[in-house]
Protein backbone atom coordinates (compact mmCIF):
# COMPACT_ATOMS: atom_id res chain seq x y z
CA MET A 1 311.74 273.71 104.81
CA LEU A 2 308.35 272.05 104.41
CA LEU A 3 306.83 275.31 103.20
CA TYR A 4 309.57 275.66 100.57
CA LEU A 5 308.87 272.16 99.21
CA LEU A 6 305.14 272.84 99.03
CA ALA A 7 305.77 276.13 97.21
CA ALA A 8 308.15 274.44 94.73
CA THR A 9 305.57 271.80 93.81
CA ILE A 10 302.84 274.38 93.27
CA VAL A 11 304.98 276.73 91.12
CA GLN A 12 306.25 274.07 88.70
CA PRO A 13 303.79 273.22 85.88
CA ALA A 14 302.82 269.61 85.36
CA ALA A 15 304.24 267.91 82.26
CA ASP A 16 301.37 267.08 79.86
CA GLU A 17 303.51 265.31 77.25
CA PRO A 18 307.00 263.83 77.13
CA PRO A 19 309.91 266.04 76.15
CA PRO A 20 310.43 266.43 72.37
CA ALA A 21 313.64 264.35 72.44
CA LEU A 22 311.63 261.23 73.40
CA GLN A 23 308.96 261.64 70.70
CA PRO A 24 309.85 259.89 67.41
CA SER A 25 310.16 262.34 64.54
CA SER A 26 309.17 259.70 61.95
CA PRO A 27 307.73 256.18 62.06
CA PRO A 28 310.27 253.37 62.52
CA HIS A 29 311.85 251.88 59.42
CA ASN A 30 309.96 248.99 57.83
CA PHE A 31 312.36 246.11 57.10
CA LEU A 32 309.68 243.99 55.42
CA LYS A 33 309.49 243.76 51.66
CA LEU A 34 306.88 245.96 50.08
CA PRO A 35 303.93 244.15 48.47
CA PRO A 36 304.05 243.76 44.69
CA ALA A 37 302.34 246.37 42.54
CA THR A 38 299.43 244.00 41.77
CA CYS A 39 298.26 244.08 45.40
CA GLY A 40 295.84 246.65 46.73
CA LYS A 41 297.20 249.14 49.21
CA GLY A 42 295.92 249.23 52.78
CA ASN A 43 296.13 251.74 55.59
CA MET A 44 299.09 251.93 57.96
CA ASP A 45 297.34 249.62 60.45
CA GLU A 46 296.28 246.97 57.89
CA ILE A 47 298.18 243.92 56.63
CA VAL A 48 297.88 243.19 52.91
CA VAL A 49 298.36 239.56 51.85
CA CYS A 50 298.61 238.78 48.13
CA GLY A 51 298.91 235.49 46.36
CA ALA A 52 298.73 234.29 42.80
CA ARG A 53 297.92 230.85 41.38
CA ASP A 54 297.03 229.63 37.96
CA ALA A 55 293.32 230.00 37.24
CA ASP A 56 292.90 226.24 36.70
CA LYS A 57 294.65 225.35 40.00
CA ARG A 58 293.16 228.04 42.21
CA TYR A 59 290.39 225.98 43.83
CA ARG A 60 291.84 222.49 43.33
CA LEU A 61 292.98 220.29 46.20
CA GLN A 62 296.64 219.36 46.20
CA PRO A 63 297.67 215.70 46.73
CA VAL A 64 298.56 214.82 50.31
CA ASP A 65 301.84 213.05 51.07
CA GLY A 66 300.73 209.77 52.63
CA ARG A 67 304.12 209.12 54.23
CA ALA A 68 303.82 212.25 56.36
CA TYR A 69 300.62 210.96 58.01
CA ALA A 70 301.37 207.22 58.08
CA GLU A 71 301.29 205.54 61.46
CA ALA A 72 304.61 204.55 62.94
CA PRO A 73 305.15 200.81 63.30
CA ILE A 74 304.38 199.45 66.73
CA ARG A 75 307.57 198.56 68.52
CA ALA A 76 307.60 196.93 71.94
CA LYS A 77 310.83 197.70 73.72
CA THR A 78 311.63 197.83 77.41
CA ASN A 79 314.67 198.12 79.61
CA ILE A 80 315.35 195.56 82.31
CA GLY A 81 318.12 197.15 84.30
CA PRO A 82 320.98 197.79 81.86
CA ASP A 83 319.60 195.11 79.47
CA THR A 84 317.05 195.66 76.66
CA LEU A 85 314.18 193.41 75.60
CA ASP A 86 312.88 194.12 72.08
CA ILE A 87 309.92 192.40 70.39
CA GLY A 88 308.98 193.00 66.75
CA GLY A 89 307.99 191.54 63.43
CA LYS A 90 310.11 191.10 60.34
CA GLN A 91 309.26 190.14 56.76
CA ALA A 92 311.67 188.32 54.44
CA THR A 93 311.53 186.29 51.25
CA VAL A 94 312.57 182.62 51.38
CA GLY A 95 312.60 180.69 48.08
CA GLY A 96 310.37 183.30 46.42
CA PHE A 97 307.70 183.12 49.16
CA PRO A 98 307.11 185.75 51.85
CA SER A 99 308.10 184.69 55.35
CA ASN A 100 306.69 186.67 58.26
CA ARG A 101 308.79 186.35 61.39
CA PHE A 102 308.26 187.27 65.00
CA MET A 103 311.54 188.23 66.71
CA ILE A 104 312.36 188.53 70.40
CA THR A 105 315.75 190.15 71.02
CA PHE A 106 317.44 190.37 74.42
CA THR A 107 320.46 192.69 74.39
CA ILE A 108 323.11 192.73 77.12
CA PRO A 109 325.70 195.53 76.94
CA PHE A 110 329.30 194.54 77.63
């Protein structure tokens, strides 16, 4: 039996490449949008990125939204068991004059 197995392994040729059913016949479909005609074309392994701006705005800096980078107000809040202690400032107008207030709030759920 052992001699038969050795003979069977020697007689069969080794597979150098996968069977033709497993090789793709064409490249996979590209679901991305093709670049516009104004872009240069690259090779299959290159990525082409195109963009267009007005000539007078091309190298200009755009204004930055200050609210996106503003610091959040400091809020001191802590839990004491089920209760909450909150400390913060508040600004109001009294008789046409600004009134800055310092508030300490102790909240008990019921």
